[in-house]
Protein backbone atom coordinates (compact mmCIF):
# COMPACT_ATOMS: atom_id res chain seq x y z
CA UNK A 1 140.93 96.52 161.68
CA UNK A 2 142.90 97.72 158.62
CA UNK A 3 142.86 95.85 155.34
CA UNK A 4 146.62 95.28 155.70
CA UNK A 5 146.11 92.99 158.72
CA UNK A 6 142.89 91.14 157.85
CA UNK A 7 143.03 87.58 159.25
CA UNK A 8 141.80 84.74 157.07
CA UNK A 9 139.53 83.59 159.91
CA UNK A 10 137.25 86.57 159.26
CA UNK A 11 136.14 85.00 155.97
CA UNK A 12 133.61 82.19 155.98
CA UNK A 13 134.40 78.78 154.55
CA UNK A 14 132.13 79.46 151.56
CA UNK A 15 133.86 82.80 150.86
CA UNK A 16 137.30 81.20 150.85
CA UNK A 17 136.14 78.41 148.54
CA UNK A 18 134.53 80.91 146.18
CA UNK A 19 137.73 83.00 146.10
CA UNK A 20 139.95 80.03 145.26
CA UNK A 21 137.52 78.97 142.53
CA UNK A 22 137.59 82.46 141.06
CA UNK A 23 141.39 82.57 141.07
CA UNK A 24 141.63 79.10 139.54
CA UNK A 25 139.19 79.96 136.74
CA UNK A 26 141.08 83.14 135.95
CA UNK A 27 144.47 81.43 135.85
CA UNK A 28 142.94 78.94 133.43
CA UNK A 29 141.52 81.73 131.23
CA UNK A 30 144.88 83.52 131.17
CA UNK A 31 146.72 80.54 129.71
CA UNK A 32 148.34 78.86 132.74
CA UNK A 33 149.41 75.25 132.18
CA UNK A 34 147.88 72.45 134.25
CA UNK A 35 150.84 71.79 136.54
CA UNK A 36 151.41 75.47 137.32
CA UNK A 37 147.71 76.12 137.85
CA UNK A 38 147.26 73.18 140.20
CA UNK A 39 150.40 74.06 142.15
CA UNK A 40 149.26 77.68 142.56
CA UNK A 41 145.74 76.63 143.64
CA UNK A 42 147.08 74.20 146.26
CA UNK A 43 149.48 76.82 147.64
CA UNK A 44 146.76 79.48 147.86
CA UNK A 45 144.32 77.06 149.48
CA UNK A 46 146.82 76.18 152.18
CA UNK A 47 147.34 79.85 152.95
CA UNK A 48 143.55 80.26 153.26
CA UNK A 49 143.30 77.22 155.58
CA UNK A 50 141.66 74.96 153.01
CA UNK A 51 142.37 71.48 151.75
CA UNK A 52 141.98 71.45 147.96
CA UNK A 53 142.46 68.74 145.36
CA UNK A 54 142.45 70.41 141.91
CA UNK A 55 142.17 68.76 138.51
CA UNK A 56 142.73 70.86 135.43
CA UNK A 57 142.24 70.20 131.74
CA UNK A 58 142.18 72.60 128.76
CA UNK A 59 138.38 72.97 128.87
CA UNK A 60 137.55 72.91 132.56
CA UNK A 61 138.41 72.52 136.25
CA UNK A 62 137.32 70.21 139.05
CA UNK A 63 138.11 71.50 142.54
CA UNK A 64 137.37 69.44 145.66
CA UNK A 65 137.52 71.34 148.98
CA UNK A 66 137.33 70.45 152.64
CA UNK A 67 137.80 72.40 155.88
CA UNK A 68 140.75 70.93 157.84
CA UNK A 69 139.33 72.32 161.10
CA UNK A 70 136.18 70.18 160.84
CA UNK A 71 135.47 66.47 160.93
CA UNK A 72 136.44 64.46 157.86
CA UNK A 73 133.63 64.42 155.30
CA UNK A 74 131.50 67.05 157.04
CA UNK A 75 132.58 69.99 154.87
CA UNK A 76 133.40 68.46 151.49
CA UNK A 77 132.55 70.64 148.48
CA UNK A 78 133.23 69.93 144.81
CA UNK A 79 133.11 72.58 142.13
CA UNK A 80 133.00 71.72 138.41
CA UNK A 81 133.86 74.74 136.23
CA UNK A 82 133.40 74.54 132.45
CA UNK A 83 135.84 76.82 130.60
CA UNK A 84 137.09 77.36 127.10
CA UNK A 85 140.77 77.00 126.17
CA UNK A 86 142.80 79.74 127.82
CA UNK A 87 144.16 82.82 126.09
CA UNK A 88 147.39 84.40 127.33
CA UNK A 89 146.79 87.74 129.06
CA UNK A 90 149.87 88.87 131.00
CA UNK A 91 148.23 92.01 132.43
CA UNK A 92 145.29 90.17 133.97
CA UNK A 93 147.54 87.31 135.07
CA UNK A 94 149.73 89.76 136.96
CA UNK A 95 146.69 91.44 138.53
CA UNK A 96 145.19 88.11 139.61
CA UNK A 97 148.54 87.10 141.09
CA UNK A 98 148.81 90.40 142.98
CA UNK A 99 145.30 90.08 144.42
CA UNK A 100 145.82 86.45 145.43
CA UNK A 101 149.06 87.31 147.23
CA UNK A 102 147.46 90.30 148.95
CA UNK A 103 144.63 88.10 150.26
CA UNK A 104 147.00 85.31 151.31
CA UNK A 105 149.22 87.77 153.21
CA UNK A 106 146.31 89.53 154.93
CA UNK A 107 146.68 92.88 153.17
CA UNK A 108 143.23 92.39 151.65
CA UNK A 109 140.19 90.52 152.92
CA UNK A 110 138.76 87.60 150.95
CA UNK A 111 135.65 89.65 150.13
CA UNK A 112 137.78 92.58 148.98
CA UNK A 113 139.89 90.24 146.87
CA UNK A 114 136.83 88.70 145.24
CA UNK A 115 135.49 92.17 144.45
CA UNK A 116 138.84 93.24 143.00
CA UNK A 117 138.87 90.21 140.73
CA UNK A 118 135.38 90.94 139.46
CA UNK A 119 136.37 94.55 138.76
CA UNK A 120 138.96 93.29 136.28
CA UNK A 121 136.11 92.29 133.96
CA UNK A 122 134.99 95.01 131.62
CA UNK A 123 133.35 94.98 128.22
CA UNK A 124 135.82 95.10 125.32
CA UNK A 125 136.56 98.55 123.98
CA UNK A 126 137.06 99.55 120.36
CA UNK A 127 140.69 100.29 121.20
CA UNK A 128 141.21 96.68 122.27
CA UNK A 129 140.09 95.45 118.85
CA UNK A 130 142.39 97.91 117.09
CA UNK A 131 145.33 96.74 119.22
CA UNK A 132 144.55 93.10 118.50
CA UNK A 133 144.39 93.58 114.73
CA UNK A 134 147.53 95.74 114.77
CA UNK A 135 149.40 93.13 116.81
CA UNK A 136 148.52 90.48 114.23
CA UNK A 137 149.90 92.64 111.42
CA UNK A 138 153.08 93.62 113.26
CA UNK A 139 153.80 90.03 114.28
CA UNK A 140 153.37 88.72 110.73
CA UNK A 141 155.59 91.44 109.25
CA UNK A 142 158.21 90.90 111.97
CA UNK A 143 158.37 87.16 111.37
CA UNK A 144 158.72 87.71 107.62
CA UNK A 145 161.58 90.12 108.40
CA UNK A 146 163.24 87.59 110.70
CA UNK A 147 163.15 85.13 107.81
CA UNK A 148 164.84 87.79 105.63
CA UNK A 149 162.11 87.73 103.01
CA UNK A 150 161.95 90.49 100.33
CA UNK A 151 160.16 93.75 101.10
CA UNK A 152 157.07 92.79 99.09
CA UNK A 153 156.82 89.56 101.08
CA UNK A 154 157.13 91.44 104.38
CA UNK A 155 154.49 93.97 103.38
CA UNK A 156 152.12 91.27 102.11
CA UNK A 157 152.50 89.22 105.30
CA UNK A 158 151.84 92.32 107.42
CA UNK A 159 148.70 93.27 105.50
CA UNK A 160 147.35 89.72 105.59
CA UNK A 161 148.11 89.53 109.31
CA UNK A 162 146.14 92.74 109.88
CA UNK A 163 143.21 91.38 107.87
CA UNK A 164 143.40 88.09 109.80
CA UNK A 165 143.17 90.02 113.05
CA UNK A 166 140.07 91.85 111.86
CA UNK A 167 138.59 88.56 110.63
CA UNK A 168 139.27 86.92 114.00
CA UNK A 169 137.50 89.76 115.81
CA UNK A 170 134.49 89.39 113.52
CA UNK A 171 134.39 85.58 113.71
CA UNK A 172 134.70 85.42 117.51
CA UNK A 173 131.51 87.46 117.93
CA UNK A 174 129.40 84.89 116.12
CA UNK A 175 128.82 81.31 117.25
CA UNK A 176 128.41 80.09 113.67
CA UNK A 177 131.87 81.32 112.60
CA UNK A 178 133.85 80.96 115.83
CA UNK A 179 134.77 77.31 115.32
CA UNK A 180 135.80 77.94 111.70
CA UNK A 181 137.81 81.12 112.34
CA UNK A 182 141.20 79.45 111.77
CA UNK A 183 140.04 77.90 108.48
CA UNK A 184 138.65 81.27 107.37
CA UNK A 185 141.95 82.96 108.24
CA UNK A 186 143.85 80.33 106.26
CA UNK A 187 141.47 80.88 103.32
CA UNK A 188 142.00 84.64 103.48
CA UNK A 189 145.79 84.34 103.75
CA UNK A 190 146.08 81.90 100.88
CA UNK A 191 143.85 83.84 98.51
CA UNK A 192 145.44 87.27 99.17
CA UNK A 193 148.98 85.87 98.89
CA UNK A 194 148.17 84.17 95.58
CA UNK A 195 146.54 87.35 94.27
CA UNK A 196 149.62 89.43 95.14
CA UNK A 197 151.96 86.86 93.55
CA UNK A 198 149.80 86.73 90.42
CA UNK A 199 149.14 90.44 89.85
CA UNK A 200 151.80 92.46 91.72
CA UNK A 201 155.06 90.57 92.03
CA UNK A 202 156.70 87.23 92.87
CA UNK A 203 156.56 85.91 96.45
CA UNK A 204 157.94 83.15 98.63
CA UNK A 205 154.34 81.97 98.63
CA UNK A 206 154.19 79.37 101.41
CA UNK A 207 156.53 81.41 103.63
CA UNK A 208 154.30 84.49 103.27
CA UNK A 209 151.17 82.46 104.07
CA UNK A 210 152.80 80.93 107.14
CA UNK A 211 154.17 84.27 108.38
CA UNK A 212 150.75 85.89 107.97
CA UNK A 213 149.17 83.16 110.12
CA UNK A 214 151.92 82.98 112.73
CA UNK A 215 149.79 84.42 115.57
CA UNK A 216 147.24 81.64 115.09
CA UNK A 217 149.80 78.84 115.01
CA UNK A 218 149.71 76.56 118.07
CA UNK A 219 153.43 76.29 118.68
CA UNK A 220 153.15 77.40 122.30
CA UNK A 221 150.12 75.15 122.83
CA UNK A 222 152.09 72.21 121.44
CA UNK A 223 155.02 72.98 123.73
CA UNK A 224 152.71 73.27 126.74
CA UNK A 225 151.07 69.97 125.79
CA UNK A 226 154.36 68.08 125.80
CA UNK A 227 155.37 69.91 129.00
CA UNK A 228 152.17 68.72 130.67
CA UNK A 229 152.72 65.18 129.44
CA UNK A 230 156.25 65.22 130.86
CA UNK A 231 154.76 66.39 134.18
CA UNK A 232 152.39 63.36 134.13
CA UNK A 233 149.29 65.42 133.39
CA UNK A 234 148.21 62.89 130.78
CA UNK A 235 144.65 64.04 130.15
CA UNK A 236 145.45 67.73 129.92
CA UNK A 237 148.53 67.19 127.77
CA UNK A 238 146.76 64.83 125.39
CA UNK A 239 143.78 67.16 124.99
CA UNK A 240 146.01 70.17 124.43
CA UNK A 241 148.07 68.24 121.87
CA UNK A 242 144.90 67.24 120.00
CA UNK A 243 143.73 70.86 120.03
CA UNK A 244 147.05 72.05 118.58
CA UNK A 245 146.88 69.44 115.82
CA UNK A 246 143.30 70.44 114.99
CA UNK A 247 144.30 74.10 114.69
CA UNK A 248 147.13 73.26 112.29
CA UNK A 249 144.76 71.15 110.18
CA UNK A 250 142.15 73.93 110.01
CA UNK A 251 144.74 76.51 108.96
CA UNK A 252 146.11 74.13 106.34
CA UNK A 253 142.68 73.30 104.94
CA UNK A 254 141.83 76.98 104.55
CA UNK A 255 145.13 77.86 102.87
CA UNK A 256 145.08 74.88 100.48
CA UNK A 257 141.45 75.54 99.48
CA UNK A 258 142.38 79.16 98.71
CA UNK A 259 145.34 78.15 96.54
CA UNK A 260 143.25 75.59 94.62
CA UNK A 261 140.35 78.04 94.23
CA UNK A 262 142.68 80.70 92.87
CA UNK A 263 144.10 78.19 90.39
CA UNK A 264 140.58 77.28 89.24
CA UNK A 265 139.92 81.00 88.65
CA UNK A 266 142.99 81.21 86.43
CA UNK A 267 145.27 82.99 88.91
CA UNK A 268 148.82 81.74 88.41
CA UNK A 269 151.13 83.00 91.19
CA UNK A 270 154.76 83.84 90.47
CA UNK A 271 156.65 81.90 93.15
CA UNK A 272 160.32 82.35 93.95
CA UNK A 273 162.68 81.39 96.77
CA UNK A 274 164.66 84.47 97.78
CA UNK A 275 165.90 85.82 101.12
CA UNK A 276 167.93 88.91 100.27
CA UNK A 277 167.74 91.02 103.43
CA UNK A 278 170.87 92.16 105.32
CA UNK A 279 171.52 91.60 109.03
CA UNK A 280 170.04 94.91 110.16
CA UNK A 281 166.60 93.97 108.84
CA UNK A 282 166.64 90.84 110.98
CA UNK A 283 167.50 92.79 114.13
CA UNK A 284 165.00 95.55 113.38
CA UNK A 285 162.35 92.89 112.85
CA UNK A 286 163.27 91.40 116.21
CA UNK A 287 162.52 94.73 117.89
CA UNK A 288 159.18 94.93 116.09
CA UNK A 289 158.49 91.33 117.17
CA UNK A 290 159.11 92.26 120.81
CA UNK A 291 156.56 95.08 120.64
CA UNK A 292 154.11 92.86 118.75
CA UNK A 293 154.38 90.04 121.30
CA UNK A 294 153.80 92.53 124.14
CA UNK A 295 150.57 93.48 122.38
CA UNK A 296 149.57 89.89 121.53
CA UNK A 297 150.03 88.75 125.13
CA UNK A 298 148.29 91.90 126.45
CA UNK A 299 151.18 92.90 128.71
CA UNK A 300 150.96 96.05 130.80
CA UNK A 301 152.87 99.00 129.38
CA UNK A 302 155.29 98.90 132.31
CA UNK A 303 156.14 95.28 131.39
CA UNK A 304 156.93 96.00 127.74
CA UNK A 305 160.70 96.43 128.41
CA UNK A 306 160.77 93.01 130.10
CA UNK A 307 158.88 91.42 127.21
CA UNK A 308 161.12 92.98 124.55
CA UNK A 309 164.27 92.05 126.48
CA UNK A 310 163.06 88.45 126.81
CA UNK A 311 162.44 88.24 123.04
CA UNK A 312 165.97 89.52 122.33
CA UNK A 313 167.50 87.09 124.84
CA UNK A 314 165.60 84.11 123.45
CA UNK A 315 166.51 84.89 119.85
CA UNK A 316 170.15 85.83 120.55
CA UNK A 317 170.94 82.81 122.72
CA UNK A 318 169.23 80.33 120.40
CA UNK A 319 170.90 81.83 117.31
CA UNK A 320 174.49 82.09 118.51
CA UNK A 321 174.47 78.97 120.67
CA UNK A 322 172.84 77.15 117.77
CA UNK A 323 175.62 78.20 115.43
CA UNK A 324 178.22 76.99 117.92
CA UNK A 325 176.70 73.73 119.16
CA UNK A 326 173.72 72.95 116.93
CA UNK A 327 170.15 74.24 116.64
CA UNK A 328 168.66 71.96 119.31
CA UNK A 329 171.37 72.90 121.82
CA UNK A 330 170.66 76.57 121.16
CA UNK A 331 166.92 76.15 121.75
CA UNK A 332 167.53 74.12 124.92
CA UNK A 333 169.94 76.71 126.33
CA UNK A 334 167.62 79.62 125.49
CA UNK A 335 164.61 77.89 127.08
CA UNK A 336 166.61 77.04 130.22
CA UNK A 337 167.92 80.60 130.62
CA UNK A 338 164.49 82.14 130.03
CA UNK A 339 162.79 79.80 132.50
CA UNK A 340 165.38 80.51 135.19
CA UNK A 341 165.19 84.24 134.44
CA UNK A 342 161.39 84.15 134.70
CA UNK A 343 161.61 82.39 138.07
CA UNK A 344 164.19 84.94 139.27
CA UNK A 345 161.90 87.75 138.08
CA UNK A 346 159.05 86.22 140.09
CA UNK A 347 161.16 85.78 143.22
CA UNK A 348 162.63 89.29 143.21
CA UNK A 349 159.64 91.34 142.05
CA UNK A 350 156.89 89.02 143.39
CA UNK A 351 155.18 88.95 140.01
CA UNK A 352 154.41 86.13 137.54
CA UNK A 353 157.51 84.75 135.85
CA UNK A 354 155.41 84.25 132.71
CA UNK A 355 155.96 87.94 131.93
CA UNK A 356 159.56 87.05 131.05
CA UNK A 357 159.31 83.35 130.21
CA UNK A 358 156.39 83.39 127.78
CA UNK A 359 157.51 86.08 125.27
CA UNK A 360 161.03 84.69 125.20
CA UNK A 361 159.94 81.15 124.48
CA UNK A 362 157.37 82.10 121.84
CA UNK A 363 160.21 83.08 119.50
CA UNK A 364 161.48 79.48 119.75
CA UNK A 365 158.29 77.44 119.31
CA UNK A 366 157.87 75.24 116.21
CA UNK A 367 154.45 76.39 114.99
CA UNK A 368 155.64 77.55 111.57
CA UNK A 369 157.52 74.30 110.98
CA UNK A 370 154.44 72.22 111.74
CA UNK A 371 152.24 74.22 109.36
CA UNK A 372 154.87 74.14 106.61
CA UNK A 373 155.17 70.36 106.94
CA UNK A 374 151.43 69.76 106.76
CA UNK A 375 151.08 72.14 103.79
CA UNK A 376 153.87 70.32 101.93
CA UNK A 377 152.23 67.01 102.73
CA UNK A 378 148.82 68.14 101.41
CA UNK A 379 149.97 70.21 98.42
CA UNK A 380 152.65 67.90 97.07
CA UNK A 381 151.57 64.61 98.63
CA UNK A 382 155.17 64.38 99.85
CA UNK A 383 155.35 61.97 102.77
CA UNK A 384 159.10 62.49 103.11
CA UNK A 385 158.66 66.25 103.59
CA UNK A 386 155.86 65.64 106.10
CA UNK A 387 157.94 63.16 108.08
CA UNK A 388 160.94 65.48 108.04
CA UNK A 389 158.82 68.36 109.38
CA UNK A 390 157.34 66.12 112.08
CA UNK A 391 160.81 65.04 113.23
CA UNK A 392 161.96 68.67 113.28
CA UNK A 393 158.92 69.76 115.32
CA UNK A 394 159.41 66.87 117.75
CA UNK A 395 163.08 67.72 118.18
CA UNK A 396 162.36 71.40 118.83
CA UNK A 397 159.60 70.61 121.32
CA UNK A 398 161.85 68.14 123.16
CA UNK A 399 164.61 70.75 123.38
CA UNK A 400 162.13 73.35 124.64
CA UNK A 401 160.60 71.09 127.27
CA UNK A 402 164.04 69.97 128.45
CA UNK A 403 165.03 73.63 128.78
CA UNK A 404 161.88 74.38 130.78
CA UNK A 405 162.49 71.44 133.12
CA UNK A 406 166.17 72.21 133.70
CA UNK A 407 165.44 75.91 134.08
CA UNK A 408 163.05 75.11 136.93
CA UNK A 409 165.71 72.87 138.47
CA UNK A 410 168.34 75.59 138.12
CA UNK A 411 166.15 78.16 139.88
CA UNK A 412 162.76 76.98 141.19
CA UNK A 413 159.70 79.20 141.01
CA UNK A 414 158.23 81.01 144.00
CA UNK A 415 156.82 78.74 146.68
CA UNK A 416 153.61 80.64 147.33
CA UNK A 417 152.70 81.06 143.63
CA UNK A 418 153.96 79.08 140.66
CA UNK A 419 153.13 81.24 137.67
């Protein structure tokens, strides 16, 4: 019998359970939110003639299975899978989605699907590390350009971003430094920015520090947390929210320590507030940001045009609609359009809608605002500035989540997969 017509009944109960567990763990690792992961797992289980009750949180999965063809209670299996917080990987997400659909539709046996999933794992190559560090630098420089900072600020942010990427690669390989990697990145960013402002030329100091750390900011995590809370995934949303807050605090602690240490060493930075760049720099930076986000999210080369287009759509809609009806209305409209476009992409091309939705929304998330507010609160002991930043972040997140919800109402995701 050909692989294109393999019936599910050929696989044993244990093989089907193992395949669903493997898919669920991979969706978790590739950054899928709780509600989308659980919906996808339930849909796949039904196609493989399984009853599954999934429970997802940011650091693990609990999957309870039973065979609907057997007596109640005679085939119950529970799997507890301990996982770290997911990291967005659009290429592997698309591959896992393709394999799951091929197995569900009988074009691939369960055993073949499991083997194909395992073949996706390979040791990291030197090129992967170079791409990661380069993506950090490009993203930081692009964000500084979008903020219309001076050329020295853009260059400084890009260099610090590149160094932060290299530092992240080094820290992640060692257990002792992995948990402190964000604080170390904040320390590096703060010290280098102060050194440049003290010895080379004036900078928009806090803006450069924030732009250089933008890849590490948990704006998307914060948005996903509120999205999960609005979907009544209380535990997952609360844990993800706490994780985002912890990341912001670690980045702030590192940056503030660096600034204070530099001051103790007699380094006095020349700080100025100046945004002199013309319109073309902003649009050129947006193109660089699209390429950088494609690299950050590890998209396949064939998906780069979709990623770049999504970034342009998100920025353009939020900017011009924001000018016409207010910033929150612009963010809501952009999030709604991107969510609906991602779902349409998934329906037409049978691929994960996250390829379109995720890069477009990342340009809207409030990570930089949250870090700026906490830095102002710590540096100047300014409760008013901290409260103002918190209200702004909350407003942006509410607009984003509302856009996500209404986008899914406008055009629901695929029924068989919900990525």
